[in-house]
Every structure is written in C-alpha cells, then in structure tokens.
Amino acid sequence: MSVAVKRYKKLVKELLFTYSELEYVEEVLGDAHAEFESYYQDYCQRKEVPINELNERNSKKLEKVYPKNKPKTDEEGIVQYEADSSTKENHKVFQRMYRIIAKKLHPDKFSNQEETPEIIEKVEAFKQATGAYNKNNWAKFLDICEKHDILPTRYEKVNSIIRDEISKINKQVNNKKLSFSWRLYECEDGEECKEKVIKDFLYQLFKYRS
C-alpha cells in the first residue's frame, strides 16, 4: 500500500470520528436545550428575576438569539444550504467515485436477479451514498466508498478536501460546546454549577446580575 493511500485512509478514519462527535453533540443538545429552558425558567421564578421586563427591553437582541425564521430543510429534516463554488468543486472531485458506486450498486444492475440479503444491502448502500453525495456528507460518502474498495485517483486534492472538512466540523463541535445548554449539561457539581451557568447567561444576554 502506497504512502498516499495510507494517508488517505487515515484521514477518512479521522473524518468519520470527527463526524460521529458532531452527531453525538447534536443529539445531546437536542435534549439539553429543553433542559436548559426548563431550569432557566425555574431559576428566574425562584430568584424573582424580572424576566418579562428583561425580554421586553431586549426584544431586538432576543430575535438574534432566537431567530423566528427557521432554516430551510428537506423532507428528512436535513438543513439545506445554497451550494457555493467550493461545494461544486468538491462534487466534481468525488464525481468519479460516485460513478463507480453507481456501476457497482445501482438498483438497475440487480433488477433481474433474486432479491437476496446481499443485493438488498448493496441497493441500500447506493441510496445512502447518493444521499450523502447530494447533501455534501463526505464522511458518510467516503465510508461507503471504503467499504466497497472504491479509491480516489486525485489523492492530494481529496486529502485537502478531507482536511478542510475535519477542520470545519471541529469548529462546529467547539461552537456547540460553547453554548449555555452544553455547559448546563456538563454540570457535575449540582446546583451551584447550574446556577452559575444561568447567572452567566443572564449577564451575557441582559447584563443582569441576579
């Protein structure tokens, strides 16, 4: 195995790990946001924080923190973004790999064959690869390529894209972990820690000290 191939495979593993970390953080935050809101309301009531007055006085700031316009999503709830020039370029780089996937796994290839578990698995892999390719989920896309022995030809370019993707995902993870919901989730010292998180939140949002 050449150095280029080893480097590529190592980067794919790193990308998959980074993406799994993002999925984990997002899953945790799904519940943590609700927990934060519940604890926040309870704290304000217990400490007699004039929350209605603060909300009214800072309505414009609250609109930025809690925007009314939700991002556009598809039927599966995946956020849709406009494709920029780099995204289009990435699709071109991975296009050859996607074409090989289509040749190996496209449902039409198996239309006249018995529907065995192996064929069902291949068809499902093609659907997942297509979804990942269309949604720029290069971690999932390259994982499927790896499982079916599909390698790139332009290792230098592909490795550069993977590094950029790892960096981008790490920034997303770090930003999410800076949220007050995540800080509350990580509180292991009980009430004192949780109350400090709420106090910091009130000060950052309203410059209010309780």
Protein backbone atom coordinates (compact mmCIF):
# COMPACT_ATOMS: atom_id res chain seq x y z
CA MET A 1 0.00 0.00 0.00
CA SER A 2 1.47 3.36 -1.05
CA VAL A 3 2.05 6.28 1.33
CA ALA A 4 -0.68 8.28 -0.47
CA VAL A 5 -3.24 5.52 0.08
CA LYS A 6 -2.26 5.12 3.76
CA ARG A 7 -2.55 8.86 4.32
CA TYR A 8 -5.97 8.91 2.62
CA LYS A 9 -7.30 6.00 4.70
CA LYS A 10 -6.04 7.61 7.91
CA LEU A 11 -7.79 10.88 7.04
CA VAL A 12 -11.06 9.09 6.24
CA LYS A 13 -10.98 7.45 9.70
CA GLU A 14 -10.29 10.82 11.31
CA LEU A 15 -13.16 12.40 9.36
CA LEU A 16 -15.56 9.63 10.45
CA PHE A 17 -14.54 10.07 14.09
CA THR A 18 -14.97 13.86 13.87
CA TYR A 19 -18.39 13.49 12.24
CA SER A 20 -19.52 10.98 14.88
CA GLU A 21 -18.51 13.52 17.54
CA LEU A 22 -20.67 16.16 15.85
CA GLU A 23 -23.63 13.75 15.71
CA TYR A 24 -23.18 12.94 19.40
CA VAL A 25 -23.04 16.61 20.43
CA GLU A 26 -26.12 17.46 18.34
CA GLU A 27 -28.02 14.53 19.83
CA VAL A 28 -27.15 15.61 23.36
CA LEU A 29 -28.08 19.23 22.65
CA GLY A 30 -31.48 18.13 21.38
CA ASP A 31 -32.41 17.29 25.00
CA ALA A 32 -30.05 19.79 26.64
CA HIS A 33 -31.80 22.81 25.09
CA ALA A 34 -35.11 21.75 26.63
CA GLU A 35 -33.42 21.05 29.97
CA PHE A 36 -31.74 24.46 29.91
CA GLU A 37 -35.02 26.28 29.15
CA SER A 38 -36.81 24.43 31.96
CA TYR A 39 -34.07 25.15 34.50
CA TYR A 40 -33.78 28.75 33.31
CA GLN A 41 -37.50 29.41 33.84
CA ASP A 42 -37.41 27.71 37.24
CA TYR A 43 -34.34 29.73 38.32
CA CYS A 44 -35.91 33.04 37.25
CA GLN A 45 -39.04 32.23 39.21
CA ARG A 46 -37.13 31.19 42.35
CA LYS A 47 -34.81 34.22 42.26
CA GLU A 48 -37.57 36.62 41.21
CA VAL A 49 -35.74 37.66 38.07
CA PRO A 50 -37.92 40.19 36.15
CA ILE A 51 -37.72 38.07 33.02
CA ASN A 52 -40.73 39.62 31.23
CA GLU A 53 -39.33 43.10 31.69
CA LEU A 54 -35.88 41.97 30.51
CA ASN A 55 -37.35 40.27 27.45
CA GLU A 56 -39.32 43.40 26.53
CA ARG A 57 -36.36 45.69 26.98
CA ASN A 58 -34.09 43.47 24.87
CA SER A 59 -36.51 42.27 22.20
CA LYS A 60 -34.15 43.01 19.29
CA LYS A 61 -31.28 41.11 20.89
CA LEU A 62 -33.61 38.18 21.61
CA GLU A 63 -34.58 37.98 17.94
CA LYS A 64 -30.92 37.35 17.10
CA VAL A 65 -30.56 34.72 19.83
CA TYR A 66 -33.87 33.03 18.99
CA PRO A 67 -34.49 33.74 15.26
CA LYS A 68 -38.07 33.27 14.05
CA ASN A 69 -37.06 32.19 10.55
CA LYS A 70 -36.00 28.58 10.66
CA PRO A 71 -33.51 27.30 8.09
CA LYS A 72 -34.91 25.54 5.03
CA THR A 73 -34.95 21.76 5.41
CA ASP A 74 -35.79 18.82 3.15
CA GLU A 75 -38.41 16.14 3.85
CA GLU A 76 -35.98 14.35 6.19
CA GLY A 77 -35.32 17.49 8.21
CA ILE A 78 -31.80 17.98 6.84
CA VAL A 79 -30.86 21.66 6.62
CA GLN A 80 -30.43 22.78 3.01
CA TYR A 81 -27.71 25.26 2.07
CA GLU A 82 -27.00 27.01 -1.19
CA ALA A 83 -24.08 25.34 -2.91
CA ASP A 84 -21.08 27.65 -3.12
CA SER A 85 -18.16 27.33 -5.57
CA SER A 86 -16.12 25.10 -3.22
CA THR A 87 -19.06 22.72 -2.76
CA LYS A 88 -19.49 22.41 -6.52
CA GLU A 89 -15.76 21.78 -6.91
CA ASN A 90 -15.89 19.06 -4.27
CA HIS A 91 -18.70 17.34 -6.14
CA LYS A 92 -16.52 17.29 -9.25
CA VAL A 93 -13.64 15.74 -7.32
CA PHE A 94 -15.86 12.96 -5.93
CA GLN A 95 -17.90 12.54 -9.12
CA ARG A 96 -15.71 9.73 -10.48
CA MET A 97 -16.06 7.80 -7.21
CA TYR A 98 -19.82 8.27 -7.28
CA ARG A 99 -19.98 6.95 -10.86
CA ILE A 100 -18.11 3.81 -9.77
CA ILE A 101 -20.59 3.37 -6.91
CA ALA A 102 -23.44 3.64 -9.44
CA LYS A 103 -21.83 0.99 -11.66
CA LYS A 104 -21.38 -1.38 -8.72
CA LEU A 105 -24.51 -0.76 -6.68
CA HIS A 106 -27.26 0.87 -8.78
CA PRO A 107 -30.61 -0.97 -8.32
CA ASP A 108 -30.99 -1.39 -12.13
CA LYS A 109 -27.96 -3.67 -12.05
CA PHE A 110 -29.91 -6.17 -9.94
CA SER A 111 -33.39 -5.75 -11.48
CA ASN A 112 -33.39 -9.27 -13.00
CA GLN A 113 -31.82 -11.00 -10.00
CA GLU A 114 -33.32 -12.59 -6.93
CA GLU A 115 -33.65 -10.14 -4.04
CA THR A 116 -31.11 -11.69 -1.70
CA PRO A 117 -29.91 -10.04 1.55
CA GLU A 118 -26.63 -9.19 -0.21
CA ILE A 119 -28.40 -7.39 -3.06
CA ILE A 120 -30.71 -5.54 -0.64
CA GLU A 121 -27.62 -4.39 1.25
CA LYS A 122 -25.98 -3.13 -1.95
CA VAL A 123 -29.09 -1.23 -3.05
CA GLU A 124 -29.37 0.36 0.39
CA ALA A 125 -25.69 1.33 0.24
CA PHE A 126 -26.31 3.02 -3.11
CA LYS A 127 -29.23 5.01 -1.67
CA GLN A 128 -27.12 6.10 1.30
CA ALA A 129 -24.18 7.04 -0.94
CA THR A 130 -26.48 9.10 -3.19
CA GLY A 131 -28.00 10.90 -0.21
CA ALA A 132 -24.55 11.58 1.28
CA TYR A 133 -23.21 12.82 -2.06
CA ASN A 134 -26.14 15.17 -2.62
CA LYS A 135 -26.01 16.52 0.94
CA ASN A 136 -22.20 17.00 0.99
CA ASN A 137 -21.82 14.45 3.78
CA TRP A 138 -18.35 13.40 2.73
CA ALA A 139 -17.78 11.35 5.88
CA LYS A 140 -20.68 9.04 5.05
CA PHE A 141 -19.90 9.05 1.32
CA LEU A 142 -16.24 8.10 1.76
CA ASP A 143 -17.12 5.47 4.37
CA ILE A 144 -19.33 3.71 1.80
CA CYS A 145 -16.58 4.03 -0.81
CA GLU A 146 -14.11 2.45 1.61
CA LYS A 147 -16.42 -0.50 2.30
CA HIS A 148 -16.70 -1.18 -1.43
CA ASP A 149 -12.99 -0.70 -2.24
CA ILE A 150 -13.52 2.48 -4.21
CA LEU A 151 -10.48 4.75 -4.03
CA PRO A 152 -9.89 8.25 -5.45
CA THR A 153 -7.38 9.00 -8.20
CA ARG A 154 -6.51 12.55 -7.09
CA TYR A 155 -5.28 11.80 -3.57
CA GLU A 156 -3.74 15.20 -2.98
CA LYS A 157 -6.95 17.05 -3.82
CA VAL A 158 -9.19 14.60 -1.94
CA ASN A 159 -6.96 14.71 1.14
CA SER A 160 -7.09 18.51 1.07
CA ILE A 161 -10.91 18.41 0.99
CA ILE A 162 -10.99 15.92 3.88
CA ARG A 163 -8.68 18.10 5.98
CA ASP A 164 -10.88 21.14 5.33
CA GLU A 165 -13.95 19.10 6.25
CA ILE A 166 -12.37 17.90 9.50
CA SER A 167 -11.45 21.48 10.39
CA LYS A 168 -14.96 22.73 9.58
CA ILE A 169 -16.66 20.02 11.63
CA ASN A 170 -14.31 20.55 14.59
CA LYS A 171 -15.24 24.24 14.59
CA GLN A 172 -18.94 23.32 14.62
CA VAL A 173 -18.40 20.93 17.54
CA ASN A 174 -16.41 23.53 19.51
CA ASN A 175 -19.01 26.23 18.87
CA LYS A 176 -21.84 23.96 20.04
CA LYS A 177 -19.89 23.08 23.18
CA LEU A 178 -19.63 26.80 23.99
CA SER A 179 -23.42 27.03 24.22
CA PHE A 180 -25.06 27.53 27.63
CA SER A 181 -27.14 24.38 27.09
CA TRP A 182 -23.97 22.32 26.75
CA ARG A 183 -22.42 23.99 29.80
CA LEU A 184 -25.50 23.12 31.84
CA TYR A 185 -25.40 19.54 30.54
CA GLU A 186 -21.78 19.21 31.68
CA CYS A 187 -22.51 20.40 35.22
CA GLU A 188 -21.50 17.60 37.55
CA ASP A 189 -21.28 19.69 40.71
CA GLY A 190 -25.04 20.02 41.15
CA GLU A 191 -26.99 23.21 41.78
CA GLU A 192 -24.03 25.53 42.28
CA CYS A 193 -22.67 24.80 38.82
CA LYS A 194 -26.10 25.05 37.16
CA GLU A 195 -26.89 28.34 38.85
CA LYS A 196 -23.58 29.79 37.72
CA VAL A 197 -24.44 28.87 34.11
CA ILE A 198 -27.78 30.68 34.37
CA LYS A 199 -26.17 33.71 36.02
CA ASP A 200 -23.62 33.90 33.20
CA PHE A 201 -26.41 33.57 30.64
CA LEU A 202 -28.45 36.39 32.19
CA TYR A 203 -25.41 38.63 32.32
CA GLN A 204 -24.30 37.92 28.76
CA LEU A 205 -27.79 38.37 27.32
CA PHE A 206 -29.17 41.17 29.51
CA LYS A 207 -26.19 42.45 31.52
CA TYR A 208 -28.32 41.44 34.51
CA ARG A 209 -26.83 40.13 37.73
CA SER A 210 -29.06 38.05 39.98
